[in-house]
Amino acid sequence: MMEQRRIVTWVGTYGGESVEAIIDLFLGLERMAPGSLETTAKAFQVAAQDYDIEKIVEFGCGSGVSTIELARLSGAPIIGVDNCAPFLAQLKQKIAQAGLDQQIQVREQSMEVAWRKGTCFDLIWCEGSAYAIGLENALQRWRELLKPGGRIALSDLVWIDTDPDAEVQEYWQNQGVTLCYPNDTLALFSSQGYQVVDYFIFPESDWQNYYQPLRARLPRWKAEYSYPENAGAIDQLFQEELRMYDQFKAQYGYAFFIAQRAP
């Protein structure tokens, strides 16, 4: 999820206390990246078209807003993978409340952990977190987890404007994020042994689903968090992200890519 980018950035710069602060901030929010149930459903419908999905793995599942919806849409067994125990604890609560214990398993591990030889899935799902291990690396690693003809659905940040402003380019570079144009991402899928089925850009409402609660939570969280210095720095970090979106939202966005493993 999007907050994992913050965690990676702050681990290297400020250490564990700031990581704990970021986790605490997001434990009070439903979403950790732009999205909606409608967008999840739209991508799933594309992935499931003319294809039987019997087993799913979701990488970077976080607290599970998409996981629960995938379970409802598919009826298939799902393994949710994330390396953040507090978010997984929230997901486990949601699973229990929804009575989905027999359908959803949770694994606390990195997205790069090797799986037992012969492990295969019909669908790999990843919303907003493949960048954490690099998109090309993710596509290479995960292809072997797909059955022949199996599907992958993942979202990633992309440029929309053909000539984005230098300020917003520099901002994302400083965040350690390389944005591509959709056509470049499509070419990457092809080079890694996938046939793209479809892709689409998230609507602005998906960003508001993420940013409106974040805007509302930040002031109170900053005032109440135990370590004011960390809270102030993190608040500044996200205020800058919000400013970037307000000023340059027409120039970049999230795209969902749905592809199948080529023969």
Protein backbone atom coordinates (compact mmCIF):
# COMPACT_ATOMS: atom_id res chain seq x y z
CA MET A 1 0.00 0.00 0.00
CA MET A 2 0.98 3.63 -0.38
CA GLU A 3 2.02 4.02 3.27
CA GLN A 4 4.67 1.34 2.76
CA ARG A 5 6.56 3.86 0.63
CA ARG A 6 6.62 6.14 3.67
CA ILE A 7 7.80 3.30 5.91
CA VAL A 8 10.67 2.42 3.56
CA THR A 9 11.69 6.09 3.31
CA TRP A 10 11.60 6.76 7.03
CA VAL A 11 13.37 3.55 8.09
CA GLY A 12 16.49 4.70 6.29
CA THR A 13 16.27 8.30 7.43
CA TYR A 14 14.81 8.44 10.92
CA GLY A 15 14.61 4.91 12.29
CA GLY A 16 12.02 2.76 13.97
CA GLU A 17 10.19 5.38 16.05
CA SER A 18 9.01 7.18 12.93
CA VAL A 19 7.96 3.89 11.36
CA GLU A 20 5.84 3.16 14.42
CA ALA A 21 4.31 6.63 14.11
CA ILE A 22 3.35 6.09 10.47
CA ILE A 23 1.78 2.74 11.33
CA ASP A 24 -0.13 4.38 14.18
CA LEU A 25 -1.41 7.07 11.84
CA PHE A 26 -2.73 4.55 9.33
CA LEU A 27 -4.23 2.21 11.90
CA GLY A 28 -6.94 4.86 12.25
CA LEU A 29 -7.74 4.89 8.53
CA GLU A 30 -9.63 2.42 6.37
CA ARG A 31 -7.55 3.02 3.24
CA MET A 32 -3.81 3.26 2.87
CA ALA A 33 -3.86 4.22 -0.81
CA PRO A 34 -6.34 5.52 -3.37
CA GLY A 35 -9.07 3.06 -4.31
CA SER A 36 -12.67 1.98 -3.90
CA LEU A 37 -14.76 -1.15 -3.77
CA GLU A 38 -16.01 -0.23 -7.24
CA THR A 39 -12.47 -0.09 -8.65
CA THR A 40 -11.58 -3.41 -7.02
CA ALA A 41 -14.73 -4.94 -8.49
CA LYS A 42 -14.03 -3.51 -11.94
CA ALA A 43 -10.51 -4.96 -12.02
CA PHE A 44 -11.74 -8.31 -10.71
CA GLN A 45 -14.44 -8.53 -13.37
CA VAL A 46 -11.79 -8.03 -16.06
CA ALA A 47 -9.51 -10.62 -14.46
CA ALA A 48 -12.33 -13.17 -14.11
CA GLN A 49 -13.73 -12.75 -17.61
CA ASP A 50 -13.78 -16.14 -19.35
CA TYR A 51 -11.54 -17.58 -16.64
CA ASP A 52 -12.24 -19.66 -13.53
CA ILE A 53 -10.53 -18.27 -10.45
CA GLU A 54 -10.16 -20.92 -7.78
CA LYS A 55 -7.20 -19.67 -5.72
CA ILE A 56 -5.94 -16.11 -5.06
CA VAL A 57 -2.91 -14.55 -3.40
CA GLU A 58 -2.94 -10.85 -2.51
CA PHE A 59 0.43 -9.19 -1.96
CA GLY A 60 0.58 -6.09 0.24
CA CYS A 61 -2.89 -6.72 1.62
CA GLY A 62 -2.48 -4.32 4.56
CA SER A 63 -5.54 -4.17 6.78
CA GLY A 64 -7.58 -5.90 4.11
CA VAL A 65 -10.13 -3.53 2.62
CA SER A 66 -9.57 -5.16 -0.79
CA THR A 67 -9.12 -8.65 0.66
CA ILE A 68 -12.60 -8.80 2.11
CA GLU A 69 -14.10 -7.51 -1.13
CA LEU A 70 -12.14 -10.05 -3.20
CA ALA A 71 -13.49 -12.82 -1.00
CA ARG A 72 -17.03 -11.59 -1.59
CA LEU A 73 -16.55 -11.23 -5.34
CA SER A 74 -14.74 -14.49 -5.99
CA GLY A 75 -15.85 -16.99 -3.38
CA ALA A 76 -12.32 -18.40 -3.78
CA PRO A 77 -9.70 -19.16 -1.12
CA ILE A 78 -7.37 -16.19 -0.59
CA ILE A 79 -3.93 -15.87 1.00
CA GLY A 80 -3.25 -12.31 2.15
CA VAL A 81 0.45 -11.41 2.43
CA ASP A 82 1.92 -8.42 4.24
CA ASN A 83 4.91 -7.77 6.50
CA CYS A 84 3.21 -5.37 8.92
CA ALA A 85 1.78 -7.20 11.94
CA PRO A 86 -0.50 -4.36 13.20
CA PHE A 87 -2.27 -4.11 9.84
CA LEU A 88 -2.63 -7.88 9.65
CA ALA A 89 -4.15 -7.88 13.13
CA GLN A 90 -6.85 -5.55 11.82
CA LEU A 91 -7.40 -7.83 8.84
CA LYS A 92 -7.79 -10.85 11.11
CA GLN A 93 -10.48 -8.99 13.05
CA LYS A 94 -12.32 -8.19 9.81
CA ILE A 95 -12.07 -11.83 8.71
CA ALA A 96 -13.54 -13.03 12.00
CA GLN A 97 -16.34 -10.46 11.93
CA ALA A 98 -17.25 -11.43 8.36
CA GLY A 99 -17.11 -15.16 9.13
CA LEU A 100 -14.46 -15.73 6.45
CA ASP A 101 -11.97 -17.74 8.52
CA GLN A 102 -12.28 -20.71 6.20
CA GLN A 103 -11.80 -18.63 3.06
CA ILE A 104 -8.97 -16.20 3.93
CA GLN A 105 -5.52 -17.08 5.28
CA VAL A 106 -3.06 -14.43 6.45
CA ARG A 107 0.73 -14.60 6.17
CA GLU A 108 3.14 -12.14 7.74
CA GLN A 109 6.04 -12.13 5.31
CA SER A 110 7.81 -10.11 2.65
CA MET A 111 6.51 -10.10 -0.90
CA GLU A 112 9.93 -11.43 -1.91
CA VAL A 113 9.83 -14.59 0.21
CA ALA A 114 10.18 -17.74 -1.91
CA TRP A 115 7.18 -20.09 -1.99
CA ARG A 116 7.26 -23.85 -1.88
CA LYS A 117 8.03 -25.31 -5.28
CA GLY A 118 4.86 -26.09 -7.22
CA THR A 119 2.74 -23.40 -5.51
CA CYS A 120 0.35 -21.97 -8.10
CA PHE A 121 -2.50 -19.46 -8.10
CA ASP A 122 -5.18 -18.51 -10.58
CA LEU A 123 -4.98 -14.83 -9.64
CA ILE A 124 -2.29 -12.61 -8.12
CA TRP A 125 -3.64 -9.35 -6.71
CA CYS A 126 -1.62 -6.30 -5.62
CA GLU A 127 -3.05 -2.83 -5.06
CA GLY A 128 -0.52 -0.03 -4.78
CA SER A 129 2.44 -1.89 -3.28
CA ALA A 130 4.39 -3.67 -6.05
CA TYR A 131 6.78 -0.69 -6.18
CA ALA A 132 8.09 -1.76 -2.73
CA ILE A 133 10.10 -4.54 -4.40
CA GLY A 134 10.20 -2.95 -7.85
CA LEU A 135 7.59 -3.59 -10.51
CA GLU A 136 9.92 -5.50 -12.83
CA ASN A 137 11.18 -7.63 -9.94
CA ALA A 138 7.60 -8.33 -8.85
CA LEU A 139 6.53 -9.41 -12.32
CA GLN A 140 9.55 -11.71 -12.62
CA ARG A 141 9.03 -13.34 -9.22
CA TRP A 142 5.28 -13.69 -9.38
CA ARG A 143 5.02 -15.15 -12.87
CA GLU A 144 6.19 -18.52 -11.55
CA LEU A 145 3.35 -18.48 -9.02
CA LEU A 146 0.72 -18.29 -11.76
CA LYS A 147 -0.81 -21.24 -13.51
CA PRO A 148 -0.42 -21.13 -17.31
CA GLY A 149 -2.97 -18.56 -18.42
CA GLY A 150 -3.35 -17.33 -14.83
CA ARG A 151 -4.14 -13.68 -14.23
CA ILE A 152 -2.41 -10.85 -12.40
CA ALA A 153 -4.07 -7.57 -11.38
CA LEU A 154 -1.97 -4.81 -9.89
CA SER A 155 -2.08 -1.05 -9.61
CA ASP A 156 0.80 1.38 -9.88
CA LEU A 157 1.45 5.10 -10.13
CA VAL A 158 1.81 6.38 -13.70
CA TRP A 159 2.25 9.66 -15.50
CA ILE A 160 -0.87 10.89 -17.27
CA ASP A 161 0.46 14.20 -18.60
CA THR A 162 2.94 13.77 -21.44
CA ASP A 163 5.07 16.62 -20.04
CA PRO A 164 4.74 16.72 -16.23
CA ASP A 165 6.08 19.73 -14.38
CA ALA A 166 9.64 19.54 -13.06
CA GLU A 167 8.41 20.15 -9.50
CA VAL A 168 6.21 17.07 -9.38
CA GLN A 169 8.84 14.94 -11.14
CA GLU A 170 11.40 15.97 -8.52
CA TYR A 171 8.93 15.28 -5.71
CA TRP A 172 8.36 11.65 -6.72
CA GLN A 173 12.06 11.13 -7.41
CA ASN A 174 12.80 12.30 -3.85
CA GLN A 175 10.24 9.79 -2.60
CA GLY A 176 12.18 7.02 -4.32
CA VAL A 177 9.40 6.38 -6.81
CA THR A 178 9.86 6.03 -10.57
CA LEU A 179 6.67 6.77 -12.46
CA CYS A 180 6.29 5.37 -15.97
CA TYR A 181 3.83 6.12 -18.71
CA PRO A 182 1.13 3.45 -19.17
CA ASN A 183 2.55 2.33 -22.52
CA ASP A 184 5.94 1.74 -20.89
CA THR A 185 4.32 -0.36 -18.17
CA LEU A 186 2.41 -2.34 -20.79
CA ALA A 187 5.71 -3.01 -22.57
CA LEU A 188 7.24 -4.16 -19.29
CA PHE A 189 4.45 -6.68 -18.79
CA SER A 190 5.03 -8.05 -22.27
CA SER A 191 8.79 -8.30 -21.73
CA GLN A 192 8.23 -10.34 -18.56
CA GLY A 193 6.00 -12.95 -20.19
CA TYR A 194 2.49 -11.53 -19.76
CA GLN A 195 -0.28 -10.67 -22.17
CA VAL A 196 -2.12 -7.55 -21.02
CA VAL A 197 -5.89 -7.96 -20.94
CA ASP A 198 -6.79 -4.37 -20.04
CA TYR A 199 -5.85 -1.37 -17.95
CA PHE A 200 -7.65 1.71 -16.65
CA ILE A 201 -6.92 4.88 -14.66
CA PHE A 202 -8.46 5.33 -11.22
CA PRO A 203 -11.14 8.02 -11.00
CA GLU A 204 -10.47 11.09 -8.85
CA SER A 205 -13.06 9.87 -6.33
CA ASP A 206 -10.69 7.01 -5.47
CA TRP A 207 -8.07 9.54 -4.40
CA GLN A 208 -10.60 11.38 -2.28
CA ASN A 209 -11.49 8.09 -0.55
CA TYR A 210 -7.89 8.08 0.65
CA TYR A 211 -7.08 11.75 1.09
CA GLN A 212 -10.26 13.08 2.74
CA PRO A 213 -9.97 10.80 5.80
CA LEU A 214 -6.22 11.45 5.92
CA ARG A 215 -6.72 15.22 5.90
CA ALA A 216 -9.27 14.90 8.68
CA ARG A 217 -7.14 12.61 10.84
CA LEU A 218 -3.75 14.32 10.61
CA PRO A 219 -4.38 17.36 12.91
CA ARG A 220 -5.86 15.34 15.77
CA TRP A 221 -3.32 12.55 15.40
CA LYS A 222 -0.44 15.07 15.40
CA ALA A 223 -1.75 16.68 18.59
CA GLU A 224 -2.25 13.38 20.41
CA TYR A 225 0.71 11.28 19.31
CA SER A 226 3.27 10.53 22.03
CA TYR A 227 6.34 11.83 20.17
CA PRO A 228 5.61 15.38 18.91
CA GLU A 229 8.81 15.69 16.89
CA ASN A 230 8.10 12.56 14.89
CA ALA A 231 4.44 13.48 14.51
CA GLY A 232 5.33 16.95 13.25
CA ALA A 233 7.77 15.65 10.67
CA ILE A 234 5.34 13.02 9.40
CA ASP A 235 2.53 15.56 9.25
CA GLN A 236 4.79 17.77 7.12
CA LEU A 237 5.58 14.82 4.86
CA PHE A 238 1.94 14.12 4.16
CA GLN A 239 0.96 17.77 3.87
CA GLU A 240 3.50 18.01 1.05
CA GLU A 241 2.00 14.96 -0.63
CA LEU A 242 -1.46 16.46 -0.34
CA ARG A 243 -0.21 19.73 -1.81
CA MET A 244 1.35 17.88 -4.73
CA TYR A 245 -1.91 16.15 -5.47
CA ASP A 246 -3.97 19.33 -5.20
CA GLN A 247 -1.64 21.13 -7.60
CA PHE A 248 -0.68 18.36 -10.04
CA LYS A 249 -3.46 15.75 -9.87
CA ALA A 250 -4.10 16.01 -13.60
CA GLN A 251 -0.52 14.94 -14.31
CA TYR A 252 -0.32 11.56 -12.53
CA GLY A 253 -2.56 8.86 -11.17
CA TYR A 254 -3.00 5.21 -10.34
CA ALA A 255 -3.63 2.67 -13.09
CA PHE A 256 -4.88 -0.89 -12.70
CA PHE A 257 -3.20 -3.37 -15.04
CA ILE A 258 -4.75 -6.80 -15.64
CA ALA A 259 -2.73 -9.40 -17.53
CA GLN A 260 -2.41 -13.14 -17.97
CA ARG A 261 0.62 -15.37 -17.96
CA ALA A 262 1.66 -16.02 -21.53
CA PRO A 263 2.27 -19.64 -22.58
